[in-house]
Amino acid sequence: MKTTKIIFAAVLALASAQLSAQVSFGIKAGWNFVNVKTPSIVSEVEQVPDFKTITTRQFGFVSELELNDHFALQGELLHTGKGFKLNENFDLELFGLPLPVGAVAVTKVHYLEMPLLAKAKFGNEVVEGYVVAGPTFGYAINGKVTTRAKVLVEVDLFDTKLDLDAIGYERFEVGGALGAGMAFKAGNGKLFFDGRYTRGFTESYDVPLLSEKVQNKGFSLSAGYLYSF
């Protein structure tokens, strides 16, 4: 009987906390600076693809469940881009596409991604700082490789759509995110600016010339607005 009372009291306390919690919904958009993380064995190989960072976009929806003045849970649903750039001085095959010497190849893969973040906040109602951390879950929708020729400047030659299943690309990705930002009161909500490091733990695809796979990584800058209900 005593145990039942304790459980009942805990349920009431949780329900009360959820009713008093403030819920906010909004939108965000920004830029990603993305590349891939290669395994350590790659550095021991003579002809190693030189992966370069590229810039992609992100946009989507964000929600926040404020549990108290200093802690919240934040969920997002984003359309975001990942990938890398290759510029080699030797012949290379990428996703079954032959890349001649001197060619530049930019690979972009579009994801639907859902970060689920714990959020620690400090400051006041007017100006607020925060840090976020938590897992991310993504699904690769589609991708393409843009081949460029480099003379004085890079000139696009052609785009090739990727059949992700045919090339053995791992569509589902589990990763993590760590970031910080600032928020400013604006009307019935707040305007926020966010910087974040993201890292995929799933091995997405084979490195050219090797049997090893790589993982996505990147840094993002975004801004958005959360409306409080």
Protein backbone atom coordinates (compact mmCIF):
# COMPACT_ATOMS: atom_id res chain seq x y z
CA MET A 1 0.00 0.00 0.00
CA LYS A 2 2.85 2.34 0.89
CA THR A 3 4.57 1.61 -2.44
CA THR A 4 1.33 2.35 -4.30
CA LYS A 5 1.06 5.74 -2.59
CA ILE A 6 4.64 6.61 -3.51
CA ILE A 7 4.07 5.67 -7.18
CA PHE A 8 0.81 7.63 -7.25
CA ALA A 9 2.54 10.69 -5.76
CA ALA A 10 5.36 10.42 -8.32
CA VAL A 11 2.87 10.25 -11.20
CA LEU A 12 1.02 13.31 -9.87
CA ALA A 13 4.29 15.22 -9.53
CA LEU A 14 5.32 14.34 -13.09
CA ALA A 15 1.92 15.32 -14.48
CA SER A 16 2.05 18.61 -12.57
CA ALA A 17 5.52 19.35 -13.93
CA GLN A 18 4.38 18.69 -17.50
CA LEU A 19 1.33 20.94 -17.09
CA SER A 20 3.46 23.78 -15.74
CA ALA A 21 6.19 23.35 -18.36
CA GLN A 22 6.30 25.94 -21.10
CA VAL A 23 6.20 24.67 -24.67
CA SER A 24 7.68 26.58 -27.61
CA PHE A 25 7.68 25.84 -31.34
CA GLY A 26 9.58 27.53 -34.13
CA ILE A 27 11.76 27.37 -37.20
CA LYS A 28 15.48 27.57 -37.88
CA ALA A 29 17.86 27.76 -40.83
CA GLY A 30 21.59 27.96 -41.31
CA TRP A 31 24.79 26.71 -42.87
CA ASN A 32 26.80 23.54 -42.38
CA PHE A 33 30.55 23.18 -42.87
CA VAL A 34 30.88 19.46 -43.40
CA ASN A 35 33.46 16.81 -44.17
CA VAL A 36 34.12 13.17 -43.26
CA LYS A 37 36.23 11.52 -40.58
CA THR A 38 38.56 8.88 -41.97
CA PRO A 39 39.87 5.86 -40.03
CA SER A 40 43.43 5.99 -38.66
CA ILE A 41 44.60 3.33 -41.14
CA VAL A 42 44.10 5.83 -43.98
CA SER A 43 47.13 7.88 -42.92
CA GLU A 44 49.36 4.84 -43.47
CA VAL A 45 48.43 4.50 -47.15
CA GLU A 46 50.47 6.31 -49.82
CA GLN A 47 47.66 7.33 -52.18
CA VAL A 48 45.04 8.71 -49.82
CA PRO A 49 42.02 10.73 -51.00
CA ASP A 50 42.28 14.28 -49.66
CA PHE A 51 38.83 15.09 -48.30
CA LYS A 52 37.96 18.80 -48.14
CA THR A 53 35.20 20.66 -46.28
CA ILE A 54 32.15 21.89 -48.18
CA THR A 55 29.27 24.21 -47.28
CA THR A 56 25.66 23.01 -47.26
CA ARG A 57 22.35 24.33 -45.92
CA GLN A 58 19.96 23.28 -43.20
CA PHE A 59 16.40 24.29 -42.34
CA GLY A 60 13.53 22.89 -40.34
CA PHE A 61 11.40 22.93 -37.23
CA VAL A 62 12.40 23.17 -33.59
CA SER A 63 10.49 22.64 -30.34
CA GLU A 64 11.41 23.26 -26.72
CA LEU A 65 9.90 21.86 -23.52
CA GLU A 66 11.03 24.10 -20.67
CA LEU A 67 11.16 22.08 -17.45
CA ASN A 68 12.40 24.94 -15.25
CA ASP A 69 14.34 28.21 -15.52
CA HIS A 70 17.62 26.43 -16.22
CA PHE A 71 16.81 23.20 -18.03
CA ALA A 72 14.82 22.21 -21.13
CA LEU A 73 14.45 19.45 -23.70
CA GLN A 74 14.78 20.44 -27.35
CA GLY A 75 13.72 18.44 -30.39
CA GLU A 76 14.28 19.32 -34.04
CA LEU A 77 13.31 18.00 -37.46
CA LEU A 78 15.76 19.23 -40.08
CA HIS A 79 16.53 18.93 -43.76
CA THR A 80 20.31 19.09 -43.82
CA GLY A 81 23.20 18.44 -46.18
CA LYS A 82 26.36 16.40 -45.60
CA GLY A 83 29.28 15.44 -47.80
CA PHE A 84 32.80 16.32 -48.88
CA LYS A 85 35.01 17.54 -51.71
CA LEU A 86 37.81 15.67 -53.48
CA ASN A 87 40.57 17.21 -55.61
CA GLU A 88 43.17 14.61 -56.52
CA ASN A 89 46.36 14.40 -58.57
CA PHE A 90 45.78 10.73 -59.42
CA ASP A 91 42.99 8.77 -61.12
CA LEU A 92 40.24 7.79 -58.73
CA GLU A 93 36.87 6.06 -58.79
CA LEU A 94 34.17 7.53 -56.54
CA PHE A 95 30.81 5.74 -56.16
CA GLY A 96 31.54 3.94 -59.43
CA LEU A 97 32.31 7.20 -61.26
CA PRO A 98 35.77 7.58 -62.82
CA LEU A 99 37.48 10.83 -61.82
CA PRO A 100 40.45 11.79 -64.02
CA VAL A 101 43.56 13.53 -62.72
CA GLY A 102 42.83 17.14 -61.80
CA ALA A 103 39.06 16.72 -61.60
CA VAL A 104 37.17 18.08 -58.62
CA ALA A 105 34.25 16.11 -57.20
CA VAL A 106 31.77 17.53 -54.69
CA THR A 107 29.54 14.96 -53.00
CA LYS A 108 26.36 16.16 -51.25
CA VAL A 109 23.88 13.89 -49.50
CA HIS A 110 20.60 15.27 -48.16
CA TYR A 111 19.29 13.99 -44.84
CA LEU A 112 16.18 14.21 -42.74
CA GLU A 113 17.63 14.51 -39.25
CA MET A 114 16.14 14.56 -35.77
CA PRO A 115 18.34 15.88 -32.93
CA LEU A 116 17.03 15.20 -29.40
CA LEU A 117 18.90 17.53 -27.08
CA ALA A 118 19.22 18.34 -23.40
CA LYS A 119 19.49 22.11 -22.93
CA ALA A 120 21.07 23.95 -19.98
CA LYS A 121 20.25 27.67 -19.81
CA PHE A 122 21.60 30.68 -17.94
CA GLY A 123 20.83 34.39 -17.94
CA ASN A 124 17.44 36.07 -17.68
CA GLU A 125 14.21 36.48 -19.66
CA VAL A 126 15.72 39.15 -21.92
CA VAL A 127 19.10 37.63 -22.77
CA GLU A 128 19.80 33.93 -22.40
CA GLY A 129 22.83 31.76 -23.03
CA TYR A 130 22.63 27.99 -23.38
CA VAL A 131 24.48 24.79 -24.15
CA VAL A 132 22.95 21.72 -25.82
CA ALA A 133 24.02 18.11 -26.17
CA GLY A 134 22.40 14.88 -27.26
CA PRO A 135 21.94 12.22 -29.93
CA THR A 136 20.93 12.73 -33.54
CA PHE A 137 19.08 10.33 -35.83
CA GLY A 138 19.22 10.78 -39.59
CA TYR A 139 18.03 9.21 -42.83
CA ALA A 140 19.70 9.90 -46.18
CA ILE A 141 17.08 10.93 -48.76
CA ASN A 142 19.18 11.44 -51.88
CA GLY A 143 22.57 12.58 -53.07
CA LYS A 144 24.60 13.72 -56.04
CA VAL A 145 28.17 14.18 -57.19
CA THR A 146 29.05 17.40 -59.01
CA THR A 147 32.14 17.01 -61.20
CA ARG A 148 34.16 20.14 -61.89
CA ALA A 149 37.16 21.04 -64.01
CA LYS A 150 39.79 23.26 -62.45
CA VAL A 151 41.69 25.60 -64.76
CA LEU A 152 41.88 29.12 -63.34
CA VAL A 153 38.61 28.64 -61.44
CA GLU A 154 36.37 25.64 -60.82
CA VAL A 155 33.71 25.15 -63.51
CA ASP A 156 30.81 22.69 -63.10
CA LEU A 157 30.83 20.01 -65.80
CA PHE A 158 27.92 17.75 -64.85
CA ASP A 159 25.86 16.39 -61.94
CA THR A 160 25.35 12.69 -61.30
CA LYS A 161 22.52 11.54 -59.05
CA LEU A 162 23.51 8.81 -56.63
CA ASP A 163 21.54 5.60 -56.20
CA LEU A 164 22.32 5.29 -52.50
CA ASP A 165 21.13 1.69 -52.21
CA ALA A 166 23.09 0.56 -55.28
CA ILE A 167 26.40 1.99 -54.00
CA GLY A 168 25.94 0.48 -50.54
CA TYR A 169 25.43 3.79 -48.75
CA GLU A 170 24.18 3.38 -45.19
CA ARG A 171 21.06 5.55 -45.16
CA PHE A 172 20.38 5.45 -41.41
CA GLU A 173 22.79 7.42 -39.26
CA VAL A 174 23.14 7.75 -35.50
CA GLY A 175 25.29 10.61 -34.27
CA GLY A 176 25.77 13.22 -31.60
CA ALA A 177 25.66 17.00 -31.30
CA LEU A 178 27.27 19.48 -28.92
CA GLY A 179 26.70 23.21 -29.15
CA ALA A 180 26.04 26.58 -27.57
CA GLY A 181 24.04 29.67 -28.39
CA MET A 182 22.35 32.89 -27.37
CA ALA A 183 18.65 33.78 -27.29
CA PHE A 184 17.00 37.21 -27.10
CA LYS A 185 13.40 37.97 -26.11
CA ALA A 186 11.34 39.08 -29.12
CA GLY A 187 7.59 39.46 -28.74
CA ASN A 188 5.94 36.27 -27.47
CA GLY A 189 9.05 34.25 -28.15
CA LYS A 190 12.79 34.47 -28.60
CA LEU A 191 15.26 34.90 -31.43
CA PHE A 192 18.21 32.54 -31.15
CA PHE A 193 21.65 32.01 -32.70
CA ASP A 194 23.33 28.64 -32.47
CA GLY A 195 26.74 27.07 -33.14
CA ARG A 196 27.04 23.31 -33.07
CA TYR A 197 29.50 20.46 -33.70
CA THR A 198 28.00 17.26 -35.08
CA ARG A 199 29.51 13.84 -35.57
CA GLY A 200 28.09 10.69 -37.12
CA PHE A 201 28.89 7.41 -35.39
CA THR A 202 27.56 5.31 -38.26
CA GLU A 203 30.02 4.33 -40.99
CA SER A 204 28.35 5.64 -44.12
CA TYR A 205 30.36 4.47 -47.12
CA ASP A 206 33.67 3.05 -48.36
CA VAL A 207 36.70 5.26 -48.77
CA PRO A 208 37.97 5.13 -52.37
CA LEU A 209 41.03 2.82 -52.72
CA LEU A 210 40.38 1.30 -49.27
CA SER A 211 38.02 -1.17 -47.66
CA GLU A 212 37.55 1.20 -44.71
CA LYS A 213 34.51 3.42 -44.25
CA VAL A 214 34.12 7.04 -43.20
CA GLN A 215 31.81 8.95 -40.87
CA ASN A 216 30.18 12.34 -41.32
CA LYS A 217 31.26 15.30 -39.22
CA GLY A 218 30.73 19.05 -39.33
CA PHE A 219 30.08 22.39 -37.71
CA SER A 220 26.91 24.41 -38.18
CA LEU A 221 25.77 28.00 -37.64
CA SER A 222 22.05 28.68 -37.52
CA ALA A 223 19.41 31.17 -36.43
CA GLY A 224 15.74 30.82 -35.69
CA TYR A 225 12.70 31.87 -33.74
CA LEU A 226 10.82 30.04 -30.98
CA TYR A 227 7.24 31.09 -30.20
CA SER A 228 6.07 30.41 -26.65
CA PHE A 229 2.56 29.12 -25.92
